[in-house]
Amino acid sequence: MKIKTITQPNLFKISDESAQKTYDGCNQVWYPSKWQRLSGCGPSAASNIFFYLSHSRSTLGLEEGLNTKEAWLSLMKEMWTYVTPSLRGVNTLKMFYEPMLAYTKAKGVNVEYRICDVPKKRSQRPKLKDIVIFLEEALGKDAPIAFLNLCNGEEKNLDRWHWVTIISLEYTEDGQSVFADILDQGEIKRINLALWYDTTTLGGGFVYFTR
């Protein structure tokens, strides 16, 4: 099996002193309102990615208190004002990357983006090996990937109509076996990406950003 991963996954270790817990990436249930908690997966994934882009290129390390739940929630609230869910959530790649570009510009961070769309119609979808190449390329550039899953198919470790953040990939040379580690709900989970590809009925897509 080949493995590709971001270089600094510990940047996603978030401390919560009040609960005496450590999380991996942020969690949409931290949002204050019910609607935000229900639909906040898009801005949460965007927060993961922006935080990593902002801090992974620094040699100074994180400032004390920057990786706390409180600090992350402040970022998530700000991100919500850009990556704002509609009544159907953030259900397209464009609804994710366009406001992310606006947010990074407002923060003075110049980024480029690339997308890999996986349409509902199977005949229009890229081959799995091409998706693997896309993900491999992103991780090779030390870029976490935002993954939009509109239907999880038979992959039970993935929620339907949901954004998560891919931080590593493990796969065979022939591309028949493909697993991804994702940040979701403050945890690292492993999903069978080949199973998702074979069984999703609605598709989804992937997007990553580089500075």
N, C-alpha and C. Protein backbone atom coordinates (compact mmCIF):
# COMPACT_ATOMS: atom_id res chain seq x y z
N MET A 1 0.84 -1.20 0.00
CA MET A 1 0.00 0.00 0.00
C MET A 1 0.88 1.26 0.00
N LYS A 2 0.48 2.24 -0.78
CA LYS A 2 1.15 3.54 -0.79
C LYS A 2 0.42 4.47 0.17
N ILE A 3 1.16 5.37 0.79
CA ILE A 3 0.58 6.32 1.73
C ILE A 3 1.00 7.74 1.36
N LYS A 4 0.01 8.64 1.31
CA LYS A 4 0.27 10.06 1.15
C LYS A 4 -0.45 10.78 2.29
N THR A 5 0.22 11.78 2.88
CA THR A 5 -0.39 12.47 4.01
C THR A 5 0.11 13.90 4.09
N ILE A 6 -0.65 14.75 4.76
CA ILE A 6 -0.15 16.09 5.05
C ILE A 6 1.01 15.96 6.02
N THR A 7 1.85 16.99 6.08
CA THR A 7 3.09 16.88 6.87
C THR A 7 2.90 17.18 8.34
N GLN A 8 1.86 17.95 8.69
CA GLN A 8 1.71 18.39 10.08
C GLN A 8 0.29 18.13 10.61
N PRO A 9 -0.12 16.88 10.71
CA PRO A 9 -1.48 16.60 11.19
C PRO A 9 -1.72 17.09 12.61
N ASN A 10 -0.66 17.26 13.41
CA ASN A 10 -0.84 17.72 14.78
C ASN A 10 -1.33 19.15 14.87
N LEU A 11 -1.27 19.89 13.77
CA LEU A 11 -1.86 21.23 13.77
C LEU A 11 -3.35 21.18 14.04
N PHE A 12 -3.96 20.03 13.77
CA PHE A 12 -5.40 19.88 13.99
C PHE A 12 -5.75 19.41 15.39
N LYS A 13 -4.77 19.27 16.28
CA LYS A 13 -5.04 18.87 17.66
C LYS A 13 -5.56 20.08 18.43
N ILE A 14 -6.81 20.05 18.79
CA ILE A 14 -7.48 21.17 19.45
C ILE A 14 -7.78 20.80 20.91
N SER A 15 -7.36 21.64 21.81
CA SER A 15 -7.55 21.34 23.24
C SER A 15 -8.82 22.01 23.77
N ASP A 16 -9.48 21.31 24.64
CA ASP A 16 -10.67 21.82 25.33
C ASP A 16 -10.46 21.56 26.82
N GLU A 17 -9.93 22.56 27.51
CA GLU A 17 -9.59 22.38 28.91
C GLU A 17 -10.82 22.13 29.77
N SER A 18 -11.93 22.75 29.43
CA SER A 18 -13.14 22.59 30.25
C SER A 18 -13.63 21.15 30.24
N ALA A 19 -13.49 20.49 29.09
CA ALA A 19 -13.92 19.09 28.99
C ALA A 19 -12.75 18.13 29.16
N GLN A 20 -11.54 18.68 29.28
CA GLN A 20 -10.32 17.87 29.38
C GLN A 20 -10.24 16.87 28.23
N LYS A 21 -10.44 17.42 27.03
CA LYS A 21 -10.41 16.59 25.83
C LYS A 21 -9.56 17.24 24.76
N THR A 22 -9.10 16.43 23.82
CA THR A 22 -8.41 16.92 22.64
C THR A 22 -9.15 16.43 21.41
N TYR A 23 -9.39 17.33 20.49
CA TYR A 23 -10.11 16.99 19.26
C TYR A 23 -9.16 17.02 18.06
N ASP A 24 -9.57 16.36 17.01
CA ASP A 24 -8.85 16.41 15.74
C ASP A 24 -9.70 17.17 14.75
N GLY A 25 -9.34 18.43 14.54
CA GLY A 25 -10.16 19.28 13.70
C GLY A 25 -11.38 19.77 14.44
N CYS A 26 -12.07 20.74 13.85
CA CYS A 26 -13.22 21.33 14.55
C CYS A 26 -14.49 20.50 14.34
N ASN A 27 -15.53 20.89 15.04
CA ASN A 27 -16.78 20.14 15.06
C ASN A 27 -17.94 21.11 14.90
N GLN A 28 -18.81 20.88 13.93
CA GLN A 28 -19.91 21.79 13.68
C GLN A 28 -20.86 21.93 14.86
N VAL A 29 -20.89 20.96 15.77
CA VAL A 29 -21.79 21.06 16.92
C VAL A 29 -21.33 22.12 17.92
N TRP A 30 -20.13 22.69 17.70
CA TRP A 30 -19.68 23.80 18.55
C TRP A 30 -20.40 25.09 18.23
N TYR A 31 -21.00 25.19 17.06
CA TYR A 31 -21.71 26.42 16.70
C TYR A 31 -22.84 26.69 17.69
N PRO A 32 -23.16 27.97 17.93
CA PRO A 32 -24.15 28.29 18.97
C PRO A 32 -25.61 28.02 18.60
N SER A 33 -25.98 28.18 17.32
CA SER A 33 -27.40 28.02 16.97
C SER A 33 -27.69 26.63 16.43
N LYS A 34 -28.94 26.24 16.53
CA LYS A 34 -29.36 24.91 16.06
C LYS A 34 -29.12 24.77 14.55
N TRP A 35 -29.47 25.81 13.78
CA TRP A 35 -29.29 25.75 12.33
C TRP A 35 -27.81 25.61 11.97
N GLN A 36 -26.95 26.33 12.67
CA GLN A 36 -25.52 26.23 12.41
C GLN A 36 -25.00 24.83 12.74
N ARG A 37 -25.50 24.26 13.82
CA ARG A 37 -25.06 22.90 14.19
C ARG A 37 -25.52 21.86 13.18
N LEU A 38 -26.69 22.09 12.59
CA LEU A 38 -27.22 21.14 11.60
C LEU A 38 -26.53 21.26 10.25
N SER A 39 -26.18 22.49 9.86
CA SER A 39 -25.72 22.72 8.48
C SER A 39 -24.28 23.21 8.39
N GLY A 40 -23.56 23.18 9.50
CA GLY A 40 -22.25 23.82 9.54
C GLY A 40 -21.07 22.99 9.09
N CYS A 41 -21.29 21.88 8.39
CA CYS A 41 -20.15 21.04 7.98
C CYS A 41 -19.27 21.75 6.95
N GLY A 42 -19.88 22.53 6.04
CA GLY A 42 -19.11 23.24 5.03
C GLY A 42 -18.16 24.27 5.63
N PRO A 43 -18.69 25.22 6.42
CA PRO A 43 -17.79 26.19 7.05
C PRO A 43 -16.82 25.56 8.04
N SER A 44 -17.16 24.43 8.62
CA SER A 44 -16.22 23.73 9.51
C SER A 44 -15.04 23.17 8.71
N ALA A 45 -15.32 22.53 7.58
CA ALA A 45 -14.25 22.03 6.72
C ALA A 45 -13.41 23.18 6.20
N ALA A 46 -14.05 24.29 5.85
CA ALA A 46 -13.32 25.46 5.38
C ALA A 46 -12.41 26.01 6.48
N SER A 47 -12.88 25.97 7.72
CA SER A 47 -12.06 26.43 8.85
C SER A 47 -10.83 25.53 9.01
N ASN A 48 -11.03 24.21 8.90
CA ASN A 48 -9.89 23.29 8.96
C ASN A 48 -8.83 23.66 7.93
N ILE A 49 -9.29 23.85 6.71
CA ILE A 49 -8.35 24.07 5.61
C ILE A 49 -7.65 25.43 5.73
N PHE A 50 -8.41 26.48 6.08
CA PHE A 50 -7.78 27.79 6.20
C PHE A 50 -6.76 27.79 7.34
N PHE A 51 -7.09 27.16 8.45
CA PHE A 51 -6.15 27.13 9.58
C PHE A 51 -4.85 26.44 9.16
N TYR A 52 -4.98 25.33 8.46
CA TYR A 52 -3.78 24.61 8.05
C TYR A 52 -2.95 25.43 7.06
N LEU A 53 -3.61 26.04 6.09
CA LEU A 53 -2.90 26.87 5.12
C LEU A 53 -2.18 28.03 5.80
N SER A 54 -2.79 28.55 6.86
CA SER A 54 -2.24 29.71 7.54
C SER A 54 -1.03 29.38 8.40
N HIS A 55 -0.99 28.15 8.94
CA HIS A 55 0.02 27.84 9.95
C HIS A 55 1.01 26.75 9.55
N SER A 56 0.72 25.97 8.55
CA SER A 56 1.63 24.87 8.20
C SER A 56 2.89 25.37 7.52
N ARG A 57 2.86 26.56 6.95
CA ARG A 57 4.03 27.09 6.26
C ARG A 57 4.94 27.89 7.19
N SER A 58 4.55 28.04 8.45
CA SER A 58 5.34 28.82 9.39
C SER A 58 6.36 27.94 10.10
N THR A 59 7.54 28.49 10.34
CA THR A 59 8.57 27.77 11.09
C THR A 59 8.60 28.21 12.55
N LEU A 60 7.68 29.10 12.92
CA LEU A 60 7.69 29.66 14.27
C LEU A 60 6.87 28.83 15.26
N GLY A 61 6.06 27.94 14.76
CA GLY A 61 5.17 27.17 15.64
C GLY A 61 3.94 27.98 15.99
N LEU A 62 2.99 27.35 16.67
CA LEU A 62 1.74 28.01 17.02
C LEU A 62 1.91 28.85 18.27
N GLU A 63 1.23 30.01 18.29
CA GLU A 63 1.20 30.81 19.49
C GLU A 63 0.39 30.07 20.56
N GLU A 64 0.74 30.32 21.82
CA GLU A 64 0.03 29.68 22.91
C GLU A 64 -1.44 30.11 22.89
N GLY A 65 -2.33 29.15 23.04
CA GLY A 65 -3.76 29.43 23.06
C GLY A 65 -4.42 29.44 21.71
N LEU A 66 -3.64 29.28 20.65
CA LEU A 66 -4.21 29.35 19.30
C LEU A 66 -4.98 28.08 18.94
N ASN A 67 -4.58 26.96 19.50
CA ASN A 67 -5.23 25.70 19.19
C ASN A 67 -6.20 25.26 20.28
N THR A 68 -6.96 26.21 20.77
CA THR A 68 -7.99 25.91 21.75
C THR A 68 -9.36 25.88 21.07
N LYS A 69 -10.30 25.23 21.69
CA LYS A 69 -11.65 25.18 21.15
C LYS A 69 -12.22 26.59 20.99
N GLU A 70 -11.95 27.45 21.95
CA GLU A 70 -12.48 28.82 21.90
C GLU A 70 -11.94 29.58 20.69
N ALA A 71 -10.63 29.45 20.44
CA ALA A 71 -10.03 30.14 19.29
C ALA A 71 -10.58 29.60 17.98
N TRP A 72 -10.76 28.30 17.91
CA TRP A 72 -11.30 27.70 16.69
C TRP A 72 -12.74 28.11 16.46
N LEU A 73 -13.53 28.20 17.52
CA LEU A 73 -14.92 28.60 17.36
C LEU A 73 -15.01 30.02 16.81
N SER A 74 -14.09 30.88 17.23
CA SER A 74 -14.05 32.23 16.69
C SER A 74 -13.80 32.20 15.18
N LEU A 75 -12.87 31.34 14.73
CA LEU A 75 -12.62 31.18 13.30
C LEU A 75 -13.85 30.63 12.59
N MET A 76 -14.49 29.63 13.18
CA MET A 76 -15.67 29.02 12.57
C MET A 76 -16.80 30.02 12.39
N LYS A 77 -17.01 30.88 13.39
CA LYS A 77 -18.06 31.89 13.29
C LYS A 77 -17.76 32.89 12.18
N GLU A 78 -16.50 33.28 12.07
CA GLU A 78 -16.10 34.19 11.01
C GLU A 78 -16.25 33.53 9.64
N MET A 79 -15.84 32.27 9.55
CA MET A 79 -15.94 31.55 8.28
C MET A 79 -17.40 31.40 7.85
N TRP A 80 -18.30 31.25 8.80
CA TRP A 80 -19.72 31.10 8.49
C TRP A 80 -20.24 32.30 7.68
N THR A 81 -19.71 33.49 7.93
CA THR A 81 -20.19 34.68 7.23
C THR A 81 -19.78 34.68 5.76
N TYR A 82 -18.86 33.81 5.39
CA TYR A 82 -18.43 33.66 3.99
C TYR A 82 -18.99 32.36 3.40
N VAL A 83 -18.62 31.23 3.99
CA VAL A 83 -19.13 29.92 3.53
C VAL A 83 -20.44 29.68 4.26
N THR A 84 -21.51 30.29 3.74
CA THR A 84 -22.81 30.29 4.42
C THR A 84 -23.76 29.29 3.77
N PRO A 85 -24.23 28.31 4.51
CA PRO A 85 -25.14 27.31 3.94
C PRO A 85 -26.48 27.91 3.50
N SER A 86 -26.99 27.40 2.39
CA SER A 86 -28.35 27.70 1.97
C SER A 86 -29.29 26.71 2.66
N LEU A 87 -30.54 26.71 2.25
CA LEU A 87 -31.49 25.75 2.83
C LEU A 87 -31.10 24.31 2.51
N ARG A 88 -30.31 24.14 1.46
CA ARG A 88 -29.81 22.81 1.10
C ARG A 88 -28.35 22.63 1.49
N GLY A 89 -27.88 23.49 2.37
CA GLY A 89 -26.50 23.42 2.82
C GLY A 89 -25.55 24.00 1.80
N VAL A 90 -24.27 23.64 1.92
CA VAL A 90 -23.26 24.01 0.92
C VAL A 90 -23.14 22.79 0.01
N ASN A 91 -24.01 22.70 -0.98
CA ASN A 91 -24.18 21.43 -1.70
C ASN A 91 -23.54 21.38 -3.08
N THR A 92 -22.64 22.35 -3.37
CA THR A 92 -21.87 22.30 -4.60
C THR A 92 -20.43 22.72 -4.29
N LEU A 93 -19.51 22.33 -5.15
CA LEU A 93 -18.12 22.74 -4.97
C LEU A 93 -17.99 24.26 -5.09
N LYS A 94 -18.73 24.85 -6.02
CA LYS A 94 -18.66 26.30 -6.25
C LYS A 94 -19.09 27.07 -5.02
N MET A 95 -20.10 26.58 -4.31
CA MET A 95 -20.56 27.24 -3.10
C MET A 95 -19.51 27.19 -1.99
N PHE A 96 -18.53 26.33 -2.15
CA PHE A 96 -17.44 26.22 -1.18
C PHE A 96 -16.24 27.05 -1.60
N TYR A 97 -15.76 26.85 -2.84
CA TYR A 97 -14.48 27.48 -3.17
C TYR A 97 -14.60 28.98 -3.45
N GLU A 98 -15.74 29.45 -3.99
CA GLU A 98 -15.84 30.88 -4.27
C GLU A 98 -15.81 31.73 -2.99
N PRO A 99 -16.61 31.39 -1.95
CA PRO A 99 -16.50 32.17 -0.71
C PRO A 99 -15.18 31.96 0.02
N MET A 100 -14.58 30.77 -0.14
CA MET A 100 -13.25 30.56 0.45
C MET A 100 -12.22 31.49 -0.18
N LEU A 101 -12.30 31.67 -1.48
CA LEU A 101 -11.40 32.60 -2.16
C LEU A 101 -11.62 34.03 -1.66
N ALA A 102 -12.88 34.39 -1.44
CA ALA A 102 -13.19 35.72 -0.92
C ALA A 102 -12.64 35.89 0.49
N TYR A 103 -12.75 34.85 1.30
CA TYR A 103 -12.27 34.91 2.68
C TYR A 103 -10.75 35.03 2.72
N THR A 104 -10.06 34.20 1.94
CA THR A 104 -8.60 34.26 1.94
C THR A 104 -8.10 35.61 1.43
N LYS A 105 -8.80 36.17 0.44
CA LYS A 105 -8.42 37.49 -0.08
C LYS A 105 -8.58 38.54 1.00
N ALA A 106 -9.69 38.46 1.75
CA ALA A 106 -9.93 39.41 2.83
C ALA A 106 -8.86 39.31 3.91
N LYS A 107 -8.29 38.13 4.07
CA LYS A 107 -7.26 37.91 5.07
C LYS A 107 -5.85 38.17 4.52
N GLY A 108 -5.77 38.55 3.27
CA GLY A 108 -4.46 38.82 2.67
C GLY A 108 -3.66 37.57 2.37
N VAL A 109 -4.35 36.45 2.19
CA VAL A 109 -3.69 35.18 1.88
C VAL A 109 -4.01 34.82 0.43
N ASN A 110 -3.00 34.78 -0.41
CA ASN A 110 -3.21 34.46 -1.82
C ASN A 110 -3.19 32.94 -2.02
N VAL A 111 -4.27 32.40 -2.57
CA VAL A 111 -4.34 30.96 -2.79
C VAL A 111 -4.81 30.66 -4.21
N GLU A 112 -4.50 29.46 -4.65
CA GLU A 112 -5.04 28.89 -5.87
C GLU A 112 -5.84 27.65 -5.49
N TYR A 113 -6.76 27.25 -6.34
CA TYR A 113 -7.58 26.08 -6.01
C TYR A 113 -7.68 25.15 -7.21
N ARG A 114 -7.96 23.90 -6.91
CA ARG A 114 -8.25 22.91 -7.94
C ARG A 114 -9.43 22.06 -7.49
N ILE A 115 -10.27 21.66 -8.42
CA ILE A 115 -11.44 20.86 -8.08
C ILE A 115 -11.45 19.56 -8.87
N CYS A 116 -12.13 18.58 -8.30
CA CYS A 116 -12.40 17.30 -8.98
C CYS A 116 -13.86 16.98 -8.73
N ASP A 117 -14.69 17.22 -9.72
CA ASP A 117 -16.14 17.01 -9.59
C ASP A 117 -16.47 15.54 -9.85
N VAL A 118 -17.39 15.01 -9.05
CA VAL A 118 -17.88 13.64 -9.25
C VAL A 118 -19.40 13.75 -9.46
N PRO A 119 -19.85 13.87 -10.71
CA PRO A 119 -21.26 14.11 -10.98
C PRO A 119 -22.16 12.94 -10.59
N LYS A 120 -23.45 13.24 -10.52
CA LYS A 120 -24.44 12.21 -10.22
C LYS A 120 -24.46 11.14 -11.32
N LYS A 121 -24.36 11.57 -12.57
CA LYS A 121 -24.41 10.64 -13.70
C LYS A 121 -23.10 9.88 -13.80
N ARG A 122 -23.16 8.57 -13.69
CA ARG A 122 -21.94 7.76 -13.65
C ARG A 122 -21.09 7.88 -14.90
N SER A 123 -21.70 8.03 -16.04
CA SER A 123 -20.95 8.10 -17.28
C SER A 123 -20.10 9.37 -17.37
N GLN A 124 -20.43 10.37 -16.55
CA GLN A 124 -19.70 11.63 -16.58
C GLN A 124 -18.62 11.72 -15.49
N ARG A 125 -18.55 10.72 -14.65
CA ARG A 125 -17.61 10.77 -13.53
C ARG A 125 -16.17 10.46 -13.98
N PRO A 126 -15.19 11.07 -13.32
CA PRO A 126 -13.80 10.67 -13.58
C PRO A 126 -13.58 9.25 -13.08
N LYS A 127 -12.58 8.59 -13.60
CA LYS A 127 -12.25 7.26 -13.10
C LYS A 127 -11.66 7.37 -11.71
N LEU A 128 -11.79 6.29 -10.94
CA LEU A 128 -11.28 6.29 -9.58
C LEU A 128 -9.78 6.58 -9.56
N LYS A 129 -9.05 6.02 -10.51
CA LYS A 129 -7.60 6.23 -10.54
C LYS A 129 -7.27 7.71 -10.76
N ASP A 130 -8.14 8.43 -11.49
CA ASP A 130 -7.91 9.85 -11.71
C ASP A 130 -8.20 10.66 -10.44
N ILE A 131 -9.18 10.21 -9.68
CA ILE A 131 -9.46 10.84 -8.38
C ILE A 131 -8.28 10.63 -7.45
N VAL A 132 -7.73 9.42 -7.45
CA VAL A 132 -6.56 9.12 -6.62
C VAL A 132 -5.38 10.02 -7.01
N ILE A 133 -5.18 10.21 -8.29
CA ILE A 133 -4.10 11.09 -8.76
C ILE A 133 -4.32 12.52 -8.26
N PHE A 134 -5.57 12.98 -8.31
CA PHE A 134 -5.91 14.31 -7.82
C PHE A 134 -5.60 14.45 -6.33
N LEU A 135 -6.04 13.47 -5.54
CA LEU A 135 -5.82 13.51 -4.09
C LEU A 135 -4.33 13.38 -3.76
N GLU A 136 -3.66 12.53 -4.49
CA GLU A 136 -2.22 12.33 -4.32
C GLU A 136 -1.48 13.65 -4.59
N GLU A 137 -1.89 14.34 -5.61
CA GLU A 137 -1.28 15.62 -5.97
C GLU A 137 -1.49 16.65 -4.86
N ALA A 138 -2.71 16.71 -4.32
CA ALA A 138 -3.02 17.66 -3.25
C ALA A 138 -2.17 17.40 -2.02
N LEU A 139 -2.14 16.16 -1.58
CA LEU A 139 -1.39 15.82 -0.38
C LEU A 139 0.11 16.00 -0.61
N GLY A 140 0.55 15.77 -1.84
CA GLY A 140 1.94 16.02 -2.18
C GLY A 140 2.32 17.48 -2.07
N LYS A 141 1.32 18.36 -2.18
CA LYS A 141 1.53 19.81 -2.01
C LYS A 141 1.22 20.24 -0.58
N ASP A 142 1.05 19.26 0.31
CA ASP A 142 0.74 19.50 1.72
C ASP A 142 -0.56 20.29 1.88
N ALA A 143 -1.58 19.88 1.12
CA ALA A 143 -2.87 20.55 1.14
C ALA A 143 -3.97 19.59 1.57
N PRO A 144 -4.62 19.83 2.70
CA PRO A 144 -5.80 19.03 3.05
C PRO A 144 -6.88 19.24 1.99
N ILE A 145 -7.76 18.26 1.83
CA ILE A 145 -8.77 18.31 0.77
C ILE A 145 -10.16 18.35 1.37
N ALA A 146 -10.97 19.28 0.90
CA ALA A 146 -12.38 19.32 1.29
C ALA A 146 -13.14 18.34 0.40
N PHE A 147 -13.88 17.45 1.02
CA PHE A 147 -14.60 16.38 0.31
C PHE A 147 -16.09 16.55 0.54
N LEU A 148 -16.82 16.80 -0.54
CA LEU A 148 -18.28 16.89 -0.50
C LEU A 148 -18.87 15.53 -0.85
N ASN A 149 -19.60 14.94 0.08
CA ASN A 149 -20.26 13.67 -0.14
C ASN A 149 -21.77 13.90 -0.10
N LEU A 150 -22.41 13.75 -1.24
CA LEU A 150 -23.86 13.94 -1.30
C LEU A 150 -24.62 12.66 -0.99
N CYS A 151 -23.99 11.52 -1.23
CA CYS A 151 -24.57 10.21 -0.89
C CYS A 151 -23.43 9.28 -0.53
N ASN A 152 -23.49 8.70 0.65
CA ASN A 152 -22.39 7.86 1.13
C ASN A 152 -22.44 6.44 0.59
N GLY A 153 -23.52 6.06 -0.11
CA GLY A 153 -23.62 4.70 -0.64
C GLY A 153 -23.51 3.67 0.48
N GLU A 154 -22.60 2.72 0.32
CA GLU A 154 -22.45 1.66 1.33
C GLU A 154 -21.35 1.96 2.34
N GLU A 155 -20.71 3.12 2.23
CA GLU A 155 -19.68 3.50 3.21
C GLU A 155 -20.36 4.07 4.46
N LYS A 156 -20.42 3.26 5.51
CA LYS A 156 -21.18 3.61 6.71
C LYS A 156 -20.46 4.60 7.62
N ASN A 157 -19.16 4.83 7.38
CA ASN A 157 -18.40 5.73 8.25
C ASN A 157 -18.38 7.16 7.71
N LEU A 158 -19.36 7.44 6.85
CA LEU A 158 -19.43 8.74 6.20
C LEU A 158 -20.88 9.19 6.17
N ASP A 159 -21.14 10.42 6.60
CA ASP A 159 -22.50 10.92 6.63
C ASP A 159 -22.93 11.42 5.25
N ARG A 160 -24.20 11.29 4.97
CA ARG A 160 -24.79 11.76 3.72
C ARG A 160 -24.88 13.29 3.72
N TRP A 161 -24.74 13.91 2.54
CA TRP A 161 -24.91 15.35 2.36
C TRP A 161 -24.00 16.10 3.34
N HIS A 162 -22.70 15.89 3.19
CA HIS A 162 -21.78 16.28 4.26
C HIS A 162 -20.41 16.62 3.70
N TRP A 163 -19.75 17.61 4.32
CA TRP A 163 -18.37 17.96 4.02
C TRP A 163 -17.45 17.42 5.10
N VAL A 164 -16.32 16.85 4.68
CA VAL A 164 -15.27 16.43 5.61
C VAL A 164 -13.92 16.87 5.04
N THR A 165 -12.87 16.68 5.81
CA THR A 165 -11.53 17.10 5.40
C THR A 165 -10.61 15.89 5.29
N ILE A 166 -10.09 15.61 4.11
CA ILE A 166 -9.17 14.49 3.91
C ILE A 166 -7.75 14.93 4.26
N ILE A 167 -7.08 14.14 5.13
CA ILE A 167 -5.71 14.49 5.52
C ILE A 167 -4.69 13.42 5.13
N SER A 168 -5.15 12.23 4.73
CA SER A 168 -4.20 11.21 4.27
C SER A 168 -4.91 10.20 3.39
N LEU A 169 -4.10 9.48 2.61
CA LEU A 169 -4.60 8.51 1.65
C LEU A 169 -3.73 7.26 1.71
N GLU A 170 -4.35 6.10 1.69
CA GLU A 170 -3.63 4.82 1.63
C GLU A 170 -4.26 4.00 0.51
N TYR A 171 -3.43 3.55 -0.45
CA TYR A 171 -4.01 2.93 -1.64
C TYR A 171 -3.00 1.99 -2.29
N THR A 172 -3.55 1.08 -3.08
CA THR A 172 -2.71 0.15 -3.84
C THR A 172 -2.32 0.77 -5.17
N GLU A 173 -1.27 0.26 -5.75
CA GLU A 173 -0.77 0.79 -7.03
C GLU A 173 -1.82 0.73 -8.13
N ASP A 174 -2.66 -0.33 -8.11
CA ASP A 174 -3.66 -0.47 -9.16
C ASP A 174 -4.90 0.38 -8.90
N GLY A 175 -4.96 1.04 -7.73
CA GLY A 175 -6.08 1.92 -7.42
C GLY A 175 -7.36 1.21 -7.06
N GLN A 176 -7.30 -0.10 -6.85
CA GLN A 176 -8.51 -0.85 -6.52
C GLN A 176 -8.87 -0.73 -5.05
N SER A 177 -7.86 -0.54 -4.22
CA SER A 177 -8.08 -0.37 -2.78
C SER A 177 -7.65 1.03 -2.39
N VAL A 178 -8.61 1.85 -1.94
CA VAL A 178 -8.33 3.24 -1.62
C VAL A 178 -9.02 3.62 -0.32
N PHE A 179 -8.23 4.00 0.67
CA PHE A 179 -8.77 4.44 1.96
C PHE A 179 -8.29 5.86 2.24
N ALA A 180 -9.13 6.63 2.92
CA ALA A 180 -8.77 8.00 3.28
C ALA A 180 -9.04 8.23 4.75
N ASP A 181 -8.15 8.96 5.40
CA ASP A 181 -8.39 9.43 6.77
C ASP A 181 -8.98 10.83 6.67
N ILE A 182 -10.08 11.02 7.37
CA ILE A 182 -10.79 12.29 7.31
C ILE A 182 -10.94 12.89 8.70
N LEU A 183 -11.05 14.22 8.74
CA LEU A 183 -11.44 14.93 9.95
C LEU A 183 -12.94 15.13 9.87
N ASP A 184 -13.65 14.68 10.90
CA ASP A 184 -15.11 14.80 10.92
C ASP A 184 -15.58 14.79 12.36
N GLN A 185 -16.31 15.85 12.75
CA GLN A 185 -16.89 15.93 14.08
C GLN A 185 -15.83 15.83 15.18
N GLY A 186 -14.68 16.45 14.93
CA GLY A 186 -13.63 16.49 15.94
C GLY A 186 -12.85 15.20 16.09
N GLU A 187 -12.97 14.29 15.11
CA GLU A 187 -12.30 13.00 15.17
C GLU A 187 -11.61 12.70 13.83
N ILE A 188 -10.66 11.75 13.88
CA ILE A 188 -10.11 11.18 12.66
C ILE A 188 -10.85 9.88 12.38
N LYS A 189 -11.42 9.77 11.20
CA LYS A 189 -12.14 8.56 10.80
C LYS A 189 -11.51 8.03 9.52
N ARG A 190 -11.63 6.75 9.30
CA ARG A 190 -11.13 6.14 8.06
C ARG A 190 -12.32 5.71 7.21
N ILE A 191 -12.27 6.08 5.94
CA ILE A 191 -13.34 5.69 5.02
C ILE A 191 -12.75 4.92 3.83
N ASN A 192 -13.59 4.05 3.28
CA ASN A 192 -13.23 3.28 2.10
C ASN A 192 -13.68 4.09 0.88
N LEU A 193 -12.74 4.81 0.28
CA LEU A 193 -13.09 5.72 -0.82
C LEU A 193 -13.48 4.95 -2.08
N ALA A 194 -12.90 3.78 -2.27
CA ALA A 194 -13.28 2.97 -3.43
C ALA A 194 -14.72 2.48 -3.29
N LEU A 195 -15.11 2.10 -2.08
CA LEU A 195 -16.49 1.67 -1.83
C LEU A 195 -17.45 2.84 -2.05
N TRP A 196 -17.07 4.01 -1.57
CA TRP A 196 -17.91 5.20 -1.79
C TRP A 196 -18.08 5.44 -3.29
N TYR A 197 -16.98 5.41 -4.03
CA TYR A 197 -17.03 5.67 -5.46
C TYR A 197 -17.94 4.68 -6.18
N ASP A 198 -17.88 3.42 -5.79
CA ASP A 198 -18.65 2.37 -6.46
C ASP A 198 -20.13 2.41 -6.11
N THR A 199 -20.49 2.99 -4.96
CA THR A 199 -21.87 2.86 -4.49
C THR A 199 -22.62 4.18 -4.31
N THR A 200 -21.93 5.33 -4.38
CA THR A 200 -22.65 6.59 -4.23
C THR A 200 -23.59 6.81 -5.41
N THR A 201 -24.79 7.27 -5.12
CA THR A 201 -25.77 7.50 -6.18
C THR A 201 -25.85 8.96 -6.60
N LEU A 202 -25.29 9.86 -5.78
CA LEU A 202 -25.37 11.28 -6.07
C LEU A 202 -24.01 11.92 -6.33
N GLY A 203 -22.95 11.22 -5.96
CA GLY A 203 -21.60 11.76 -6.18
C GLY A 203 -21.21 12.81 -5.16
N GLY A 204 -20.47 13.82 -5.64
CA GLY A 204 -19.95 14.86 -4.75
C GLY A 204 -18.75 15.50 -5.42
N GLY A 205 -17.66 15.63 -4.68
CA GLY A 205 -16.47 16.20 -5.29
C GLY A 205 -15.43 16.59 -4.27
N PHE A 206 -14.29 17.09 -4.78
CA PHE A 206 -13.14 17.40 -3.96
C PHE A 206 -12.57 18.75 -4.40
N VAL A 207 -12.03 19.49 -3.43
CA VAL A 207 -11.39 20.77 -3.73
C VAL A 207 -10.25 20.98 -2.77
N TYR A 208 -9.13 21.50 -3.28
CA TYR A 208 -8.03 21.85 -2.38
C TYR A 208 -7.46 23.20 -2.78
N PHE A 209 -6.75 23.81 -1.83
CA PHE A 209 -6.18 25.14 -2.01
C PHE A 209 -4.69 25.10 -1.69
N THR A 210 -3.91 25.86 -2.44
CA THR A 210 -2.49 26.00 -2.17
C THR A 210 -2.12 27.48 -2.15
N ARG A 211 -1.14 27.82 -1.36
CA ARG A 211 -0.71 29.22 -1.27
C ARG A 211 0.30 29.53 -2.37
